[in-house]
Amino acid sequence: MFGPEDNKPARRVNSPIGLSPKSMVAAPGPFAAGVWQNRRMVSIPSKLPAVGTTIFTVMSRLAAEHGAINLSQGFPDFSPPARLPERVAHHMAAGANQYAPMAGVPRLREAIAAKVERLYGARYEPETEVTVTAGATQAIFTAIAACVRPGDEVIVFAPVYDSYVPAIEVVGGRAVFARLRHPDYLPDWNEVRDLVTPRTRMIVFNSPHNPSGTVWSAGDLESLADTVRGTDILLLADEVYEHVVFDGRRHGSAARHAELRERSFVVSSFGKTYHVTGWKIAYCLAPTALSAEFRKVHQFNVFAVNHPMQAAIADFMGESPEFADGLAGFYQEKRDFFRRQLEGSRFDPLPCAATYFQLCGYGRISDEPDTEFVRRLTREHGVAAIPVSVFTPDGEDRRVIRFCFAKGEETLAAAGERLRRV
């Protein structure tokens, strides 16, 4: 079997984290894998020779092996609103068990368009400009595959979420990295402008940002608009944490900015919003011409997304529009609770303006590389985290790790007790 071992995308492994050859997807050398045929090994040239098992799989497996509290992988340990699975069961019993329309259930696309117009003042036509996808990762891959050609350059911001670069490379593009510098993890727009060349086809950005929890300001969006003005550069905005923004800040969606909107694919996720990451349902907004190109790829790599779940989400959005509006307060309480658990520890929390991830420096504890420190933290202290260096192209190590606080208070309190003893 080829590919990652779970439903997370594989990522580039920059520094050793205890992966044995058997656990690696990509074998050393120019060929990633092979199959026996008539007792002769047939070599398969890899399009992603540097990609191995995703860091999320590695750390979750390690947590399970050692009975550790898993604050590494980004998923809640609590249930979605009870009404959602009830509506799924209803629609399954009512017969919504065959293919949904390729672009998504019309009622759901209409609900998405209404939500976006209410929040951001942007009107997307449900029929031609809203597409339901099998998760945000699929939407991101599809937008890249639809637009990036061999030899094109795509600017991404590092630390970079792990699915972007493989998606770029597998279609023959080249990722160009703009550094988000520790500790504020915000872009240097002079650097970004210097990276633009005639080959630049797309800029991919993520706000609210995983793993840092930072949020781009209105000024950042204006700087982005200045950077692409007068060019044919497309934008891909990963906004899956759009509703998880704290302390009264406002999410600066690309959909809100008229100049950016006309050249953007905007991606968001129902998994993050409704605590159903395993459902893998998201959506992509784009102007009609861009959506047409997006759907050309979407119809052949997915075609249709889970029908009864789409129908259930459409029902829930109509019945409980306030649920998403309350998400910021819900997760802000969890952020604050977790940060209180770290008081008295030797971990140094960085500012967290959004998402459900908390970065922490551990320089007062150890000078170990972050990849080694998280292994020891899991093995000896019973808490699993993610090393931030694996999100960078060169493995830059600032002795910072990422915890996920999308957990119940009992889980966070138990983790805090262990972390205070480190």
Protein backbone atom coordinates (compact mmCIF):
# COMPACT_ATOMS: atom_id res chain seq x y z
CA MET A 1 0.00 0.00 0.00
CA PHE A 2 1.43 3.35 -0.97
CA GLY A 3 0.70 6.71 0.66
CA PRO A 4 0.29 7.99 4.22
CA GLU A 5 -0.92 5.63 6.90
CA ASP A 6 -3.93 7.71 7.86
CA ASN A 7 -6.16 10.36 6.36
CA LYS A 8 -3.68 13.17 6.97
CA PRO A 9 -1.48 14.22 4.04
CA ALA A 10 2.13 13.05 4.06
CA ARG A 11 4.71 15.70 4.77
CA ARG A 12 8.36 16.36 4.10
CA VAL A 13 10.53 15.03 6.92
CA ASN A 14 13.28 17.59 7.57
CA SER A 15 14.96 16.10 10.59
CA PRO A 16 15.04 12.63 12.14
CA ILE A 17 12.14 11.79 14.39
CA GLY A 18 12.70 8.10 14.81
CA LEU A 19 11.24 6.88 11.53
CA SER A 20 12.52 3.46 10.61
CA PRO A 21 12.82 2.51 6.91
CA LYS A 22 9.69 0.37 7.25
CA SER A 23 7.69 3.36 8.47
CA MET A 24 8.77 5.62 5.66
CA VAL A 25 6.56 5.96 2.60
CA ALA A 26 9.47 7.08 0.46
CA ALA A 27 12.52 4.80 0.33
CA PRO A 28 16.00 6.29 -0.15
CA GLY A 29 17.19 6.96 -3.65
CA PRO A 30 15.43 7.87 -6.87
CA PHE A 31 12.72 5.24 -6.50
CA ALA A 32 10.14 5.43 -3.75
CA ALA A 33 8.70 1.95 -3.88
CA GLY A 34 8.35 -1.19 -5.91
CA VAL A 35 6.20 -4.26 -6.50
CA TRP A 36 7.12 -7.83 -7.25
CA GLN A 37 6.05 -8.96 -10.69
CA ASN A 38 7.02 -12.39 -12.02
CA ARG A 39 9.65 -12.55 -9.23
CA ARG A 40 11.28 -9.32 -10.46
CA MET A 41 11.10 -6.03 -8.58
CA VAL A 42 9.48 -3.31 -10.73
CA SER A 43 10.69 0.11 -9.66
CA ILE A 44 8.23 2.99 -9.40
CA PRO A 45 9.79 6.45 -9.82
CA SER A 46 8.55 8.72 -7.05
CA LYS A 47 7.06 12.14 -7.74
CA LEU A 48 7.59 12.97 -4.05
CA PRO A 49 10.88 11.29 -3.13
CA ALA A 50 11.43 13.41 0.01
CA VAL A 51 8.01 12.74 1.53
CA GLY A 52 7.64 10.26 4.36
CA THR A 53 5.07 9.41 7.01
CA THR A 54 3.20 12.44 8.29
CA ILE A 55 4.42 13.86 11.59
CA PHE A 56 0.85 13.64 12.92
CA THR A 57 0.80 9.88 12.40
CA VAL A 58 4.21 9.51 14.03
CA MET A 59 3.32 11.44 17.17
CA SER A 60 -0.17 9.97 17.54
CA ARG A 61 1.31 6.48 17.27
CA LEU A 62 3.96 7.33 19.84
CA ALA A 63 1.30 8.73 22.18
CA ALA A 64 -0.69 5.50 21.89
CA GLU A 65 2.38 3.36 22.52
CA HIS A 66 3.21 5.22 25.74
CA GLY A 67 -0.31 5.98 26.98
CA ALA A 68 0.36 9.70 26.61
CA ILE A 69 -2.20 12.50 26.43
CA ASN A 70 -2.33 13.33 22.75
CA LEU A 71 -2.13 17.10 22.25
CA SER A 72 -0.31 16.63 18.96
CA GLN A 73 -2.89 15.95 16.25
CA GLY A 74 -5.44 18.72 15.70
CA PHE A 75 -8.82 17.20 16.46
CA PRO A 76 -11.36 17.65 19.27
CA ASP A 77 -11.92 14.91 21.84
CA PHE A 78 -15.57 15.93 22.29
CA SER A 79 -18.69 15.29 20.23
CA PRO A 80 -20.37 17.51 17.65
CA PRO A 81 -23.77 19.06 18.34
CA ALA A 82 -26.21 16.17 18.80
CA ARG A 83 -28.51 17.60 16.13
CA LEU A 84 -25.93 16.99 13.37
CA PRO A 85 -25.69 13.17 13.56
CA GLU A 86 -29.46 13.08 14.11
CA ARG A 87 -29.96 14.85 10.78
CA VAL A 88 -27.46 12.55 9.08
CA ALA A 89 -29.49 9.54 10.23
CA HIS A 90 -32.68 11.26 9.07
CA HIS A 91 -31.35 11.86 5.57
CA MET A 92 -29.93 8.35 5.29
CA ALA A 93 -33.33 6.93 6.22
CA ALA A 94 -35.00 9.32 3.78
CA GLY A 95 -32.93 7.94 0.90
CA ALA A 96 -30.10 10.45 0.40
CA ASN A 97 -27.66 7.61 -0.17
CA GLN A 98 -26.72 8.04 -3.81
CA TYR A 99 -24.43 10.57 -5.47
CA ALA A 100 -24.88 14.17 -4.46
CA PRO A 101 -24.55 16.77 -7.23
CA MET A 102 -20.92 17.19 -8.24
CA ALA A 103 -20.65 20.76 -6.92
CA GLY A 104 -22.55 19.98 -3.73
CA VAL A 105 -26.12 19.80 -2.46
CA PRO A 106 -27.84 23.02 -3.64
CA ARG A 107 -29.30 23.83 -0.20
CA LEU A 108 -25.85 23.61 1.35
CA ARG A 109 -24.27 25.83 -1.30
CA GLU A 110 -27.04 28.36 -0.75
CA ALA A 111 -26.46 28.26 3.01
CA ILE A 112 -22.72 28.78 2.51
CA ALA A 113 -23.30 31.75 0.21
CA ALA A 114 -25.72 33.30 2.71
CA LYS A 115 -23.24 32.85 5.57
CA VAL A 116 -20.38 34.42 3.63
CA GLU A 117 -22.52 37.37 2.59
CA ARG A 118 -23.65 37.91 6.18
CA LEU A 119 -20.13 37.76 7.61
CA TYR A 120 -18.01 39.32 4.87
CA GLY A 121 -20.38 41.29 2.65
CA ALA A 122 -19.38 39.19 -0.36
CA ARG A 123 -21.94 37.61 -2.66
CA TYR A 124 -20.96 34.30 -4.26
CA GLU A 125 -23.40 32.65 -6.65
CA PRO A 126 -24.26 29.21 -5.19
CA GLU A 127 -24.67 27.64 -8.63
CA THR A 128 -21.34 28.71 -10.14
CA GLU A 129 -19.04 29.96 -7.35
CA VAL A 130 -19.46 27.61 -4.36
CA THR A 131 -18.13 24.04 -4.45
CA VAL A 132 -18.42 21.50 -1.62
CA THR A 133 -15.28 19.37 -1.20
CA ALA A 134 -14.09 16.27 0.63
CA GLY A 135 -12.24 18.29 3.25
CA ALA A 136 -10.05 21.36 3.04
CA THR A 137 -6.97 19.37 2.01
CA GLN A 138 -8.79 18.17 -1.10
CA ALA A 139 -9.93 21.70 -1.88
CA ILE A 140 -6.36 23.00 -1.57
CA PHE A 141 -4.96 20.23 -3.75
CA THR A 142 -7.68 20.74 -6.34
CA ALA A 143 -7.08 24.50 -6.63
CA ILE A 144 -3.34 23.92 -7.05
CA ALA A 145 -3.81 21.09 -9.56
CA ALA A 146 -6.24 23.19 -11.57
CA CYS A 147 -3.93 26.17 -11.95
CA VAL A 148 -0.28 25.30 -11.36
CA ARG A 149 1.67 23.99 -14.33
CA PRO A 150 5.14 22.41 -14.53
CA GLY A 151 7.74 25.09 -13.92
CA ASP A 152 5.37 27.49 -12.15
CA GLU A 153 6.41 28.96 -8.81
CA VAL A 154 4.09 29.11 -5.81
CA ILE A 155 4.90 31.30 -2.81
CA VAL A 156 4.05 29.78 0.57
CA PHE A 157 4.69 31.07 4.08
CA ALA A 158 6.84 29.03 6.46
CA PRO A 159 6.10 27.55 8.95
CA VAL A 160 3.85 25.99 6.33
CA TYR A 161 1.01 23.50 6.78
CA ASP A 162 2.18 20.15 5.56
CA SER A 163 -0.09 19.52 2.56
CA TYR A 164 0.78 22.61 0.51
CA VAL A 165 4.25 21.78 -0.75
CA PRO A 166 3.53 18.16 -1.81
CA ALA A 167 0.48 19.37 -3.73
CA ILE A 168 2.62 21.94 -5.54
CA GLU A 169 5.41 19.51 -6.32
CA VAL A 170 3.25 16.61 -7.49
CA VAL A 171 1.89 18.78 -10.33
CA GLY A 172 5.37 19.95 -11.31
CA GLY A 173 5.41 23.33 -9.56
CA ARG A 174 8.11 24.73 -7.28
CA ALA A 175 7.42 26.04 -3.78
CA VAL A 176 9.13 29.32 -2.88
CA PHE A 177 9.25 30.09 0.84
CA ALA A 178 8.57 33.40 2.55
CA ARG A 179 9.65 33.26 6.18
CA LEU A 180 7.25 34.00 9.03
CA ARG A 181 9.79 35.02 11.63
CA HIS A 182 9.72 33.92 15.25
CA PRO A 183 8.22 35.05 17.58
CA ASP A 184 5.36 36.97 15.90
CA TYR A 185 5.12 34.76 12.78
CA LEU A 186 3.90 37.56 10.53
CA PRO A 187 5.01 38.22 6.92
CA ASP A 188 7.75 40.59 5.83
CA TRP A 189 6.10 42.07 2.75
CA ASN A 190 9.35 43.41 1.33
CA GLU A 191 10.63 39.85 1.29
CA VAL A 192 7.42 38.58 -0.30
CA ARG A 193 7.61 41.16 -3.08
CA ASP A 194 11.24 40.21 -3.73
CA LEU A 195 10.18 36.58 -4.22
CA VAL A 196 7.74 37.41 -7.02
CA THR A 197 9.07 36.54 -10.48
CA PRO A 198 7.51 36.13 -13.93
CA ARG A 199 7.09 32.43 -13.01
CA THR A 200 4.99 33.14 -9.90
CA ARG A 201 1.61 31.54 -10.53
CA MET A 202 0.04 31.50 -7.08
CA ILE A 203 0.46 32.62 -3.46
CA VAL A 204 -0.91 30.29 -0.79
CA PHE A 205 -1.62 31.79 2.61
CA ASN A 206 -3.23 30.62 5.83
CA SER A 207 -4.93 32.98 8.27
CA PRO A 208 -5.71 32.21 11.04
CA HIS A 209 -2.37 30.43 10.82
CA ASN A 210 -1.54 26.86 11.75
CA PRO A 211 0.75 26.23 13.62
CA SER A 212 1.41 29.71 15.06
CA GLY A 213 -2.12 30.92 15.86
CA THR A 214 -1.46 34.34 14.32
CA VAL A 215 -4.01 36.38 12.37
CA TRP A 216 -3.33 38.64 9.40
CA SER A 217 -4.43 42.23 9.81
CA ALA A 218 -6.26 44.41 7.31
CA GLY A 219 -2.84 45.94 6.60
CA ASP A 220 -1.47 42.52 5.67
CA LEU A 221 -4.29 42.00 3.19
CA GLU A 222 -3.61 45.43 1.69
CA SER A 223 0.07 44.53 1.36
CA LEU A 224 -0.90 41.31 -0.37
CA ALA A 225 -3.13 43.25 -2.75
CA ASP A 226 -0.26 45.65 -3.48
CA THR A 227 2.02 42.66 -4.18
CA VAL A 228 -0.24 41.04 -6.78
CA ARG A 229 -1.75 44.16 -8.36
CA GLY A 230 -1.08 44.29 -12.10
CA THR A 231 -0.12 40.60 -12.26
CA ASP A 232 -1.90 37.36 -13.14
CA ILE A 233 -0.97 35.79 -9.79
CA LEU A 234 -3.74 33.73 -8.22
CA LEU A 235 -4.37 33.42 -4.48
CA LEU A 236 -5.31 30.42 -2.38
CA ALA A 237 -6.61 31.42 1.07
CA ASP A 238 -6.76 28.63 3.65
CA GLU A 239 -9.30 29.97 6.17
CA VAL A 240 -10.36 26.79 7.94
CA TYR A 241 -10.08 28.48 11.37
CA GLU A 242 -12.14 31.50 10.28
CA HIS A 243 -14.49 31.21 13.28
CA VAL A 244 -11.75 30.60 15.89
CA VAL A 245 -10.40 34.13 16.38
CA PHE A 246 -9.94 35.53 19.88
CA ASP A 247 -10.00 38.70 21.96
CA GLY A 248 -12.45 40.58 19.77
CA ARG A 249 -10.34 40.38 16.62
CA ARG A 250 -12.06 40.18 13.24
CA HIS A 251 -11.13 37.53 10.72
CA GLY A 252 -9.80 39.22 7.59
CA SER A 253 -11.16 36.93 4.91
CA ALA A 254 -9.95 37.30 1.34
CA ALA A 255 -13.67 37.22 0.51
CA ARG A 256 -14.08 40.50 2.40
CA HIS A 257 -11.47 42.28 0.23
CA ALA A 258 -12.91 43.04 -3.23
CA GLU A 259 -9.55 43.23 -5.00
CA LEU A 260 -8.34 39.95 -3.53
CA ARG A 261 -11.67 38.19 -3.99
CA GLU A 262 -11.51 38.41 -7.79
CA ARG A 263 -8.35 36.27 -7.93
CA SER A 264 -8.82 34.02 -4.85
CA PHE A 265 -9.81 30.49 -4.04
CA VAL A 266 -11.11 30.74 -0.45
CA VAL A 267 -11.24 27.45 1.48
CA SER A 268 -13.02 26.75 4.76
CA SER A 269 -13.94 23.62 6.71
CA PHE A 270 -17.05 22.24 8.37
CA GLY A 271 -14.82 19.79 10.23
CA LYS A 272 -13.19 22.60 12.21
CA THR A 273 -16.42 24.51 12.72
CA TYR A 274 -18.69 21.67 13.86
CA HIS A 275 -16.15 19.37 15.60
CA VAL A 276 -16.46 16.72 12.86
CA THR A 277 -12.94 16.50 11.41
CA GLY A 278 -13.59 12.87 10.46
CA TRP A 279 -16.43 13.85 8.15
CA LYS A 280 -13.97 15.56 5.78
CA ILE A 281 -16.40 18.12 4.35
CA ALA A 282 -15.31 21.64 3.38
CA TYR A 283 -15.92 24.11 0.59
CA CYS A 284 -14.18 26.39 -1.88
CA LEU A 285 -15.37 29.86 -2.93
CA ALA A 286 -14.06 31.38 -6.15
CA PRO A 287 -15.24 33.63 -8.99
CA THR A 288 -17.06 31.84 -11.79
CA ALA A 289 -14.07 31.46 -14.12
CA LEU A 290 -11.83 30.10 -11.36
CA SER A 291 -14.57 27.82 -10.03
CA ALA A 292 -15.03 26.38 -13.53
CA GLU A 293 -11.35 25.37 -13.61
CA PHE A 294 -11.56 24.07 -10.04
CA ARG A 295 -14.55 21.88 -10.88
CA LYS A 296 -12.81 20.38 -13.91
CA VAL A 297 -10.36 18.75 -11.50
CA HIS A 298 -12.82 18.21 -8.64
CA GLN A 299 -15.18 16.13 -10.79
CA PHE A 300 -12.42 13.64 -11.54
CA ASN A 301 -10.59 13.37 -8.21
CA VAL A 302 -13.70 13.27 -5.97
CA PHE A 303 -16.82 14.02 -8.03
CA ALA A 304 -19.35 13.93 -5.16
CA VAL A 305 -19.08 14.42 -1.39
CA ASN A 306 -21.01 12.47 1.26
CA HIS A 307 -24.68 13.14 0.51
CA PRO A 308 -26.48 12.67 3.86
CA MET A 309 -23.80 14.65 5.71
CA GLN A 310 -24.11 17.55 3.28
CA ALA A 311 -27.87 17.56 3.77
CA ALA A 312 -27.47 17.43 7.55
CA ILE A 313 -25.05 20.37 7.59
CA ALA A 314 -27.44 22.38 5.42
CA ASP A 315 -30.21 21.71 7.95
CA PHE A 316 -28.00 22.67 10.89
CA MET A 317 -26.78 25.89 9.28
CA GLY A 318 -30.40 26.91 8.77
CA GLU A 319 -31.50 25.94 12.26
CA SER A 320 -28.49 27.14 14.28
CA PRO A 321 -26.59 29.91 12.48
CA GLU A 322 -25.44 31.22 15.85
CA PHE A 323 -23.35 28.08 16.51
CA ALA A 324 -20.43 29.26 14.39
CA ASP A 325 -20.72 32.76 15.86
CA GLY A 326 -20.14 31.31 19.34
CA LEU A 327 -17.10 29.26 18.39
CA ALA A 328 -14.56 32.00 19.17
CA GLY A 329 -15.76 32.34 22.75
CA PHE A 330 -15.93 28.56 23.17
CA TYR A 331 -12.30 28.04 22.14
CA GLN A 332 -11.04 31.20 23.84
CA GLU A 333 -12.18 29.69 27.14
CA LYS A 334 -10.20 26.55 26.31
CA ARG A 335 -7.14 28.59 25.34
CA ASP A 336 -7.27 30.52 28.60
CA PHE A 337 -7.86 27.35 30.63
CA PHE A 338 -4.88 25.60 29.04
CA ARG A 339 -2.62 28.62 29.51
CA ARG A 340 -3.56 28.65 33.20
CA GLN A 341 -2.51 25.00 33.39
CA LEU A 342 0.93 26.03 32.15
CA GLU A 343 1.41 28.56 34.93
CA GLY A 344 4.17 27.33 37.22
CA SER A 345 5.71 25.25 34.43
CA ARG A 346 8.94 26.01 32.60
CA PHE A 347 7.14 26.24 29.26
CA ASP A 348 6.81 29.74 27.79
CA PRO A 349 3.50 30.20 25.91
CA LEU A 350 3.65 32.45 22.86
CA PRO A 351 0.71 34.74 22.03
CA CYS A 352 -2.25 32.83 20.60
CA ALA A 353 -4.67 35.02 18.65
CA ALA A 354 -6.61 32.25 16.90
CA THR A 355 -6.96 28.53 16.03
CA TYR A 356 -6.93 25.81 18.70
CA PHE A 357 -3.15 25.52 18.86
CA GLN A 358 -0.80 26.93 21.48
CA LEU A 359 2.90 27.35 20.71
CA CYS A 360 5.29 27.06 23.64
CA GLY A 361 9.01 27.61 23.94
CA TYR A 362 10.90 25.07 26.02
CA GLY A 363 14.32 26.78 26.11
CA ARG A 364 14.25 26.91 29.92
CA ILE A 365 13.91 23.13 30.01
CA SER A 366 16.27 21.77 27.36
CA ASP A 367 18.44 22.65 24.39
CA GLU A 368 17.49 19.43 22.60
CA PRO A 369 16.23 19.68 19.01
CA ASP A 370 12.45 19.99 19.04
CA THR A 371 12.03 16.66 17.26
CA GLU A 372 13.93 14.90 20.04
CA PHE A 373 12.27 16.89 22.81
CA VAL A 374 8.72 15.94 21.75
CA ARG A 375 9.68 12.29 21.67
CA ARG A 376 11.08 12.49 25.19
CA LEU A 377 8.11 14.56 26.38
CA THR A 378 5.79 11.83 25.10
CA ARG A 379 7.83 8.91 26.35
CA GLU A 380 8.90 10.21 29.79
CA HIS A 381 6.21 12.73 30.72
CA GLY A 382 3.12 11.42 28.94
CA VAL A 383 2.14 14.40 26.76
CA ALA A 384 2.46 14.41 22.97
CA ALA A 385 3.08 17.61 20.98
CA ILE A 386 4.26 18.60 17.51
CA PRO A 387 7.73 20.07 16.80
CA VAL A 388 7.43 23.32 14.85
CA SER A 389 10.65 22.76 12.90
CA VAL A 390 8.91 20.16 10.72
CA PHE A 391 6.75 22.95 9.25
CA THR A 392 9.84 24.73 7.85
CA PRO A 393 11.74 23.87 4.65
CA ASP A 394 15.17 23.89 6.30
CA GLY A 395 14.20 22.49 9.69
CA GLU A 396 14.80 25.81 11.47
CA ASP A 397 14.55 25.00 15.17
CA ARG A 398 13.56 27.73 17.62
CA ARG A 399 12.91 25.26 20.45
CA VAL A 400 9.16 25.74 20.02
CA ILE A 401 6.47 23.04 20.04
CA ARG A 402 2.72 23.03 19.34
CA PHE A 403 -0.04 21.80 21.64
CA CYS A 404 -3.67 21.31 20.56
CA PHE A 405 -6.15 22.56 23.17
CA ALA A 406 -9.33 21.37 21.39
CA LYS A 407 -9.90 19.01 24.29
CA GLY A 408 -12.15 18.72 27.31
CA GLU A 409 -11.07 20.48 30.50
CA GLU A 410 -10.36 17.16 32.20
CA THR A 411 -7.88 16.27 29.46
CA LEU A 412 -6.24 19.71 29.53
CA ALA A 413 -5.99 19.68 33.32
CA ALA A 414 -4.33 16.25 33.30
CA ALA A 415 -1.90 17.42 30.62
CA GLY A 416 -1.13 20.58 32.59
CA GLU A 417 -0.36 18.57 35.71
CA ARG A 418 2.17 16.52 33.77
CA LEU A 419 3.69 19.52 32.01
CA ARG A 420 4.24 21.36 35.30
CA ARG A 421 6.45 18.48 36.40
CA VAL A 422 8.73 18.66 33.34
